[in-house]
Amino acid sequence: MNDNIGKCGCDCINCPTYKENIKTAEERIKCSTGWSKYLNIKLSPEKLRACDGCSLPDSERKIYYLNCTIRKCCMENDIKNCAYCNLYPCDELKNVHSIVNIQTKEEFTGNTGKSITNDDYKVFVEPYAGIKHLNEIRNNIQKSEIKDYKKYSVKIKFADFPQRINNREIDSFRRIYLFLTSIGLQKDISYARYLTVKKRREILLKIIWVIALFGEFKETKSSFLELEGKTFLSQKVYGMYDKLKDCFEELKKYKIYCDIIPLDTKRWLTPTGGLRNEGWKIVLSFGSDISDINTLGTLKKYVTGLNDKYKKKAYTYFNKADLNPMIT
């Protein structure tokens, strides 16, 4: 069984898109229909790709899944799959896809509300029950076969905080510098976690960058930056409501408050939870204190100034918390 199991525990050989299982038009139609019905994966039969599994080296693989963080982590640690890691099961593995933790048909039905036959469960769900497969491997290997994972840290060479700065703006600049040098930095983590955190920092900062650059500064009882949904989506940060809300929750740790305001409650989301081009706006604030209002204005001035001065290279200065270009 071990030879069939991919890095994250998926049973590659029994997956309906494994290269030996998707040779005919009928097999493609069956996979497309089953994935849509049970996994909410909407791919037409002709768009399905025949996969050769994830365990082959990059040099021997023709297509698919080369960018999977779990696969990269196992390759980096030189292990067959996650069952051989002393960090097993890590959060990255448990969250790699929606049904990796499923153990039984009854659990799938209970979690999704979808009824499924035994045959369909075996074809469309069981191959992806990664934790179940990895547990079976883990229970049958020796402790000596389990390896310590390599540790990584997310590090960025930040610019020093400016020595010469207007006293009137110093508190605002310190607040901006603090979150730019704090978001998404972790030490001694797995390679999979490292890749996740590094990408997460980029997404969180780009959310702030896009809203600050294109948003309109407004001040009523409190101050905030407001941006039309269409403009935000045009920057290709995120287009799914649930993913954005998850990012907003994380930004609260740094006292950055974002929210989506529906303008058309019936037509701002697609049936699958995607954000439409119109019918909503996004807002960002730091709070209601006068210092927070000043900081928001300084952020707008900082990001706009960087963009005007450095164009395509402007975001690089933002990512490195370089405030020096704005000091006159």
Protein backbone atom coordinates (compact mmCIF):
# COMPACT_ATOMS: atom_id res chain seq x y z
CA MET A 1 0.00 0.00 0.00
CA ASN A 2 2.87 2.38 0.83
CA ASP A 3 3.94 2.55 -2.82
CA ASN A 4 0.48 3.77 -3.84
CA ILE A 5 0.32 6.62 -1.37
CA GLY A 6 1.28 10.15 -2.29
CA LYS A 7 3.05 12.62 -0.04
CA CYS A 8 -0.15 13.91 1.61
CA GLY A 9 -1.69 10.45 1.89
CA CYS A 10 -3.80 10.44 -1.26
CA ASP A 11 -4.13 7.00 -2.85
CA CYS A 12 -2.74 8.00 -6.23
CA ILE A 13 -3.35 4.76 -8.09
CA ASN A 14 -7.05 4.72 -7.15
CA CYS A 15 -7.65 8.40 -7.92
CA PRO A 16 -9.99 8.76 -10.93
CA THR A 17 -7.51 11.09 -12.66
CA TYR A 18 -4.54 8.76 -12.31
CA LYS A 19 -3.12 8.18 -15.80
CA GLU A 20 -4.34 4.58 -15.97
CA ASN A 21 -7.89 5.48 -14.86
CA ILE A 22 -8.76 8.22 -17.32
CA LYS A 23 -8.03 6.85 -20.76
CA THR A 24 -11.53 6.93 -22.26
CA ALA A 25 -14.17 9.61 -22.75
CA GLU A 26 -16.51 7.63 -20.51
CA GLU A 27 -13.96 7.65 -17.67
CA ARG A 28 -13.48 11.39 -18.06
CA ILE A 29 -17.22 12.03 -17.89
CA LYS A 30 -17.53 9.82 -14.82
CA CYS A 31 -14.73 11.67 -13.01
CA SER A 32 -16.04 15.11 -13.95
CA THR A 33 -19.55 14.23 -12.78
CA GLY A 34 -18.40 12.65 -9.52
CA TRP A 35 -16.02 15.47 -8.59
CA SER A 36 -18.75 18.04 -9.23
CA LYS A 37 -21.37 16.12 -7.24
CA TYR A 38 -19.31 15.18 -4.19
CA LEU A 39 -16.29 17.50 -4.07
CA ASN A 40 -17.67 20.69 -5.69
CA ILE A 41 -14.84 20.60 -8.23
CA LYS A 42 -16.20 21.96 -11.49
CA LEU A 43 -14.06 20.71 -14.36
CA SER A 44 -15.42 19.63 -17.71
CA PRO A 45 -14.25 16.18 -18.93
CA GLU A 46 -11.91 17.63 -21.55
CA LYS A 47 -10.10 19.79 -18.94
CA LEU A 48 -9.18 16.85 -16.71
CA ARG A 49 -5.50 15.94 -16.79
CA ALA A 50 -4.09 12.43 -16.54
CA CYS A 51 -1.81 12.49 -13.49
CA ASP A 52 1.19 10.24 -12.86
CA GLY A 53 1.17 10.71 -9.09
CA CYS A 54 3.12 13.12 -6.92
CA SER A 55 6.01 10.92 -5.78
CA LEU A 56 8.11 11.01 -8.93
CA PRO A 57 11.04 13.48 -9.01
CA ASP A 58 10.36 16.74 -10.84
CA SER A 59 12.64 15.65 -13.68
CA GLU A 60 10.43 12.63 -14.37
CA ARG A 61 7.07 14.34 -14.03
CA LYS A 62 5.28 15.78 -17.02
CA ILE A 63 2.41 17.56 -15.31
CA TYR A 64 0.50 18.43 -12.18
CA TYR A 65 0.97 19.13 -8.48
CA LEU A 66 4.60 20.21 -8.62
CA ASN A 67 3.74 23.29 -6.54
CA CYS A 68 1.97 21.42 -3.70
CA THR A 69 3.52 22.63 -0.42
CA ILE A 70 3.13 19.18 1.17
CA ARG A 71 4.92 17.54 -1.74
CA LYS A 72 7.72 20.12 -1.60
CA CYS A 73 8.12 19.63 2.14
CA CYS A 74 8.46 15.85 1.82
CA MET A 75 10.94 16.26 -1.02
CA GLU A 76 12.93 18.77 1.04
CA ASN A 77 13.04 16.37 3.99
CA ASP A 78 13.73 13.35 1.77
CA ILE A 79 10.84 11.25 3.09
CA LYS A 80 8.35 9.02 1.27
CA ASN A 81 5.34 10.81 2.71
CA CYS A 82 4.19 12.71 5.80
CA ALA A 83 3.85 9.56 7.93
CA TYR A 84 7.65 9.47 8.22
CA CYS A 85 7.91 13.00 9.72
CA ASN A 86 8.17 13.61 13.47
CA LEU A 87 5.83 16.60 13.09
CA TYR A 88 3.04 14.40 11.71
CA PRO A 89 0.24 15.40 11.42
CA CYS A 90 1.03 19.11 11.00
CA ASP A 91 -1.56 21.83 10.40
CA GLU A 92 -0.53 22.21 6.75
CA LEU A 93 -1.32 18.55 6.14
CA LYS A 94 -4.64 18.66 8.01
CA ASN A 95 -5.72 21.66 5.93
CA VAL A 96 -4.31 20.64 2.56
CA HIS A 97 -7.78 19.91 1.14
CA SER A 98 -11.36 19.56 2.35
CA ILE A 99 -11.54 15.78 2.83
CA VAL A 100 -8.02 14.85 3.90
CA ASN A 101 -9.31 14.19 7.45
CA ILE A 102 -12.30 12.04 6.44
CA GLN A 103 -12.18 8.53 7.95
CA THR A 104 -15.49 6.94 6.92
CA LYS A 105 -18.39 7.25 4.52
CA GLU A 106 -20.63 8.21 7.44
CA GLU A 107 -18.27 11.00 8.42
CA PHE A 108 -18.31 12.35 4.86
CA THR A 109 -22.12 12.36 4.82
CA GLY A 110 -22.28 14.00 8.23
CA ASN A 111 -19.80 16.73 7.31
CA THR A 112 -21.19 17.53 3.87
CA GLY A 113 -24.86 16.53 4.09
CA LYS A 114 -24.42 14.59 0.85
CA SER A 115 -25.59 11.00 0.53
CA ILE A 116 -23.23 8.71 -1.36
CA THR A 117 -23.23 5.07 -2.42
CA ASN A 118 -20.49 2.71 -1.29
CA ASP A 119 -19.17 2.49 -4.84
CA ASP A 120 -19.03 6.26 -5.31
CA TYR A 121 -17.40 6.73 -1.90
CA LYS A 122 -14.67 4.27 -2.89
CA VAL A 123 -14.04 6.11 -6.18
CA PHE A 124 -14.50 9.81 -5.32
CA VAL A 125 -13.76 10.21 -1.60
CA GLU A 126 -11.72 7.35 -0.14
CA PRO A 127 -8.65 7.95 -2.37
CA TYR A 128 -8.31 11.43 -0.81
CA ALA A 129 -8.72 10.35 2.85
CA GLY A 130 -5.07 11.14 3.38
CA ILE A 131 -4.88 11.07 7.18
CA LYS A 132 -6.49 7.63 7.25
CA HIS A 133 -3.92 6.22 4.82
CA LEU A 134 -1.00 7.88 6.57
CA ASN A 135 -2.16 6.62 9.98
CA GLU A 136 -2.06 3.08 8.62
CA ILE A 137 1.50 3.62 7.43
CA ARG A 138 2.54 5.33 10.66
CA ASN A 139 1.26 2.41 12.72
CA ASN A 140 3.37 -0.04 10.72
CA ILE A 141 6.77 1.64 10.62
CA GLN A 142 9.58 1.64 13.15
CA LYS A 143 10.37 4.70 15.27
CA SER A 144 13.81 4.70 13.72
CA GLU A 145 12.22 5.39 10.32
CA ILE A 146 10.66 8.66 11.53
CA LYS A 147 12.83 11.67 10.69
CA ASP A 148 13.19 15.07 12.35
CA TYR A 149 11.90 17.79 10.05
CA LYS A 150 14.23 20.51 8.81
CA LYS A 151 13.51 23.88 10.41
CA TYR A 152 13.07 27.10 8.45
CA SER A 153 12.39 30.72 9.36
CA VAL A 154 10.65 33.45 7.37
CA LYS A 155 13.19 36.26 7.27
CA ILE A 156 13.17 39.56 5.44
CA LYS A 157 15.92 42.17 5.44
CA PHE A 158 13.97 45.21 6.62
CA ALA A 159 15.15 48.77 6.27
CA ASP A 160 16.09 50.56 9.48
CA PHE A 161 13.54 52.92 10.96
CA PRO A 162 14.40 56.45 9.77
CA GLN A 163 16.44 58.54 12.20
CA ARG A 164 15.29 61.84 10.74
CA ILE A 165 11.53 62.13 10.85
CA ASN A 166 8.92 64.81 11.52
CA ASN A 167 7.88 64.59 15.19
CA ARG A 168 4.28 65.16 14.15
CA GLU A 169 4.30 61.95 12.10
CA ILE A 170 6.65 59.75 14.10
CA ASP A 171 3.91 57.80 15.92
CA SER A 172 2.12 57.07 12.65
CA PHE A 173 5.31 55.91 10.97
CA ARG A 174 6.18 53.71 13.94
CA ARG A 175 2.77 52.05 13.75
CA ILE A 176 3.18 51.38 10.03
CA TYR A 177 6.75 50.14 10.52
CA LEU A 178 5.62 47.81 13.31
CA PHE A 179 3.01 45.92 11.28
CA LEU A 180 5.21 45.79 8.17
CA THR A 181 7.98 44.14 10.21
CA SER A 182 5.64 41.78 12.10
CA ILE A 183 3.13 40.29 9.68
CA GLY A 184 3.84 36.70 8.70
CA LEU A 185 7.21 36.18 10.39
CA GLN A 186 7.83 32.82 12.10
CA LYS A 187 10.87 30.82 13.23
CA ASP A 188 11.79 27.14 13.33
CA ILE A 189 8.88 25.90 11.23
CA SER A 190 8.50 23.11 8.70
CA TYR A 191 9.19 23.75 5.04
CA ALA A 192 5.47 23.41 4.24
CA ARG A 193 4.67 25.95 6.95
CA TYR A 194 7.46 28.20 5.70
CA LEU A 195 5.99 28.23 2.18
CA THR A 196 2.50 28.85 3.56
CA VAL A 197 3.55 31.69 5.87
CA LYS A 198 5.69 33.34 3.22
CA LYS A 199 2.80 33.34 0.75
CA ARG A 200 0.39 34.46 3.46
CA ARG A 201 2.51 37.52 4.26
CA GLU A 202 2.51 38.49 0.60
CA ILE A 203 -1.28 38.22 0.40
CA LEU A 204 -1.91 40.17 3.62
CA LEU A 205 0.45 42.96 2.61
CA LYS A 206 -1.02 43.16 -0.88
CA ILE A 207 -4.51 43.53 0.58
CA ILE A 208 -3.27 46.54 2.58
CA TRP A 209 -1.27 47.88 -0.38
CA VAL A 210 -4.17 47.72 -2.85
CA ILE A 211 -6.68 49.33 -0.48
CA ALA A 212 -4.22 52.06 0.54
CA LEU A 213 -3.18 52.79 -3.05
CA PHE A 214 -6.58 52.81 -4.75
CA GLY A 215 -8.92 53.43 -1.82
CA GLU A 216 -10.53 56.77 -1.04
CA PHE A 217 -9.78 58.27 2.36
CA LYS A 218 -13.04 59.11 4.15
CA GLU A 219 -13.62 60.69 7.52
CA THR A 220 -16.99 60.81 9.29
CA LYS A 221 -17.32 59.70 12.93
CA SER A 222 -14.23 57.61 12.20
CA SER A 223 -11.77 57.42 9.35
CA PHE A 224 -11.40 54.63 6.82
CA LEU A 225 -10.22 53.79 3.33
CA GLU A 226 -12.98 52.69 0.96
CA LEU A 227 -12.50 50.81 -2.31
CA GLU A 228 -14.92 49.53 -4.92
CA GLY A 229 -15.00 45.77 -5.32
CA LYS A 230 -14.28 45.91 -9.04
CA THR A 231 -11.03 47.81 -8.49
CA PHE A 232 -9.93 45.43 -5.75
CA LEU A 233 -10.59 42.35 -7.89
CA SER A 234 -8.70 43.89 -10.82
CA GLN A 235 -5.51 43.60 -8.74
CA LYS A 236 -5.99 39.81 -8.49
CA VAL A 237 -5.34 39.48 -4.76
CA TYR A 238 -8.31 37.24 -3.92
CA GLY A 239 -11.72 36.67 -5.40
CA MET A 240 -13.35 34.34 -2.86
CA TYR A 241 -15.30 35.83 0.02
CA ASP A 242 -14.40 33.14 2.58
CA LYS A 243 -10.67 33.43 1.87
CA LEU A 244 -10.75 37.19 2.22
CA LYS A 245 -12.66 36.98 5.51
CA ASP A 246 -10.02 34.59 6.78
CA CYS A 247 -7.32 37.13 5.88
CA PHE A 248 -9.27 39.89 7.61
CA GLU A 249 -9.41 37.85 10.82
CA GLU A 250 -5.64 37.48 10.74
CA LEU A 251 -5.10 41.21 10.14
CA LYS A 252 -7.01 41.96 13.34
CA LYS A 253 -4.01 40.64 15.26
CA TYR A 254 -2.18 43.75 14.05
CA LYS A 255 -5.13 46.10 14.75
CA ILE A 256 -5.91 46.40 11.06
CA TYR A 257 -9.64 46.14 10.46
CA CYS A 258 -10.99 45.23 7.03
CA ASP A 259 -14.50 44.32 6.00
CA ILE A 260 -16.64 43.81 2.93
CA ILE A 261 -19.83 45.85 2.75
CA PRO A 262 -22.53 44.44 0.43
CA LEU A 263 -24.29 47.10 -1.63
CA ASP A 264 -26.59 44.66 -3.42
CA THR A 265 -27.40 41.86 -0.99
CA LYS A 266 -28.79 39.63 -3.76
CA ARG A 267 -26.11 39.91 -6.41
CA TRP A 268 -22.71 40.50 -4.79
CA LEU A 269 -21.72 36.82 -4.49
CA THR A 270 -21.69 33.98 -7.00
CA PRO A 271 -23.39 30.67 -6.07
CA THR A 272 -19.97 29.22 -5.14
CA GLY A 273 -19.00 32.12 -2.84
CA GLY A 274 -16.97 34.13 -5.32
CA LEU A 275 -17.13 37.93 -5.29
CA ARG A 276 -18.83 39.53 -8.28
CA ASN A 277 -17.34 42.60 -9.93
CA GLU A 278 -20.07 44.84 -8.56
CA GLY A 279 -22.42 45.08 -5.60
CA TRP A 280 -19.89 45.47 -2.77
CA LYS A 281 -17.07 47.58 -1.42
CA ILE A 282 -14.16 46.97 0.89
CA VAL A 283 -13.09 49.18 3.81
CA LEU A 284 -9.97 49.37 5.96
CA SER A 285 -9.44 51.22 9.23
CA PHE A 286 -7.02 51.27 12.17
CA GLY A 287 -9.55 52.33 14.80
CA SER A 288 -11.28 55.47 16.04
CA ASP A 289 -8.54 57.17 18.10
CA ILE A 290 -7.05 60.35 16.68
CA SER A 291 -3.66 58.62 16.43
CA ASP A 292 -5.26 55.86 14.33
CA ILE A 293 -6.90 58.42 12.04
CA ASN A 294 -3.53 60.11 11.52
CA THR A 295 -1.86 56.74 10.84
CA LEU A 296 -4.40 55.85 8.17
CA GLY A 297 -3.75 59.14 6.40
CA THR A 298 0.00 58.58 6.66
CA LEU A 299 -0.37 55.08 5.21
CA LYS A 300 -2.27 56.48 2.22
CA LYS A 301 0.39 59.15 1.73
CA TYR A 302 3.21 56.60 2.07
CA VAL A 303 1.84 54.03 -0.39
CA THR A 304 0.78 56.65 -2.94
CA GLY A 305 4.15 58.34 -2.67
CA LEU A 306 6.02 55.10 -3.22
CA ASN A 307 3.89 54.26 -6.25
CA ASP A 308 4.35 57.70 -7.80
CA LYS A 309 8.11 57.62 -7.28
CA TYR A 310 9.04 54.00 -7.99
CA LYS A 311 6.18 52.61 -10.13
CA LYS A 312 6.66 48.84 -10.59
CA LYS A 313 9.36 48.70 -7.90
CA ALA A 314 7.24 50.52 -5.30
CA TYR A 315 5.88 47.40 -3.59
CA THR A 316 9.44 46.18 -2.92
CA TYR A 317 10.03 49.21 -0.66
CA PHE A 318 6.72 48.55 1.10
CA ASN A 319 7.56 44.89 1.72
CA LYS A 320 10.91 45.87 3.26
CA ALA A 321 9.28 48.54 5.46
CA ASP A 322 11.48 51.19 3.88
CA LEU A 323 10.07 54.52 5.03
CA ASN A 324 13.15 56.52 4.07
CA PRO A 325 11.91 57.53 0.59
CA MET A 326 9.04 59.43 2.28
CA ILE A 327 11.23 61.42 4.68
CA THR A 328 11.86 64.95 3.43
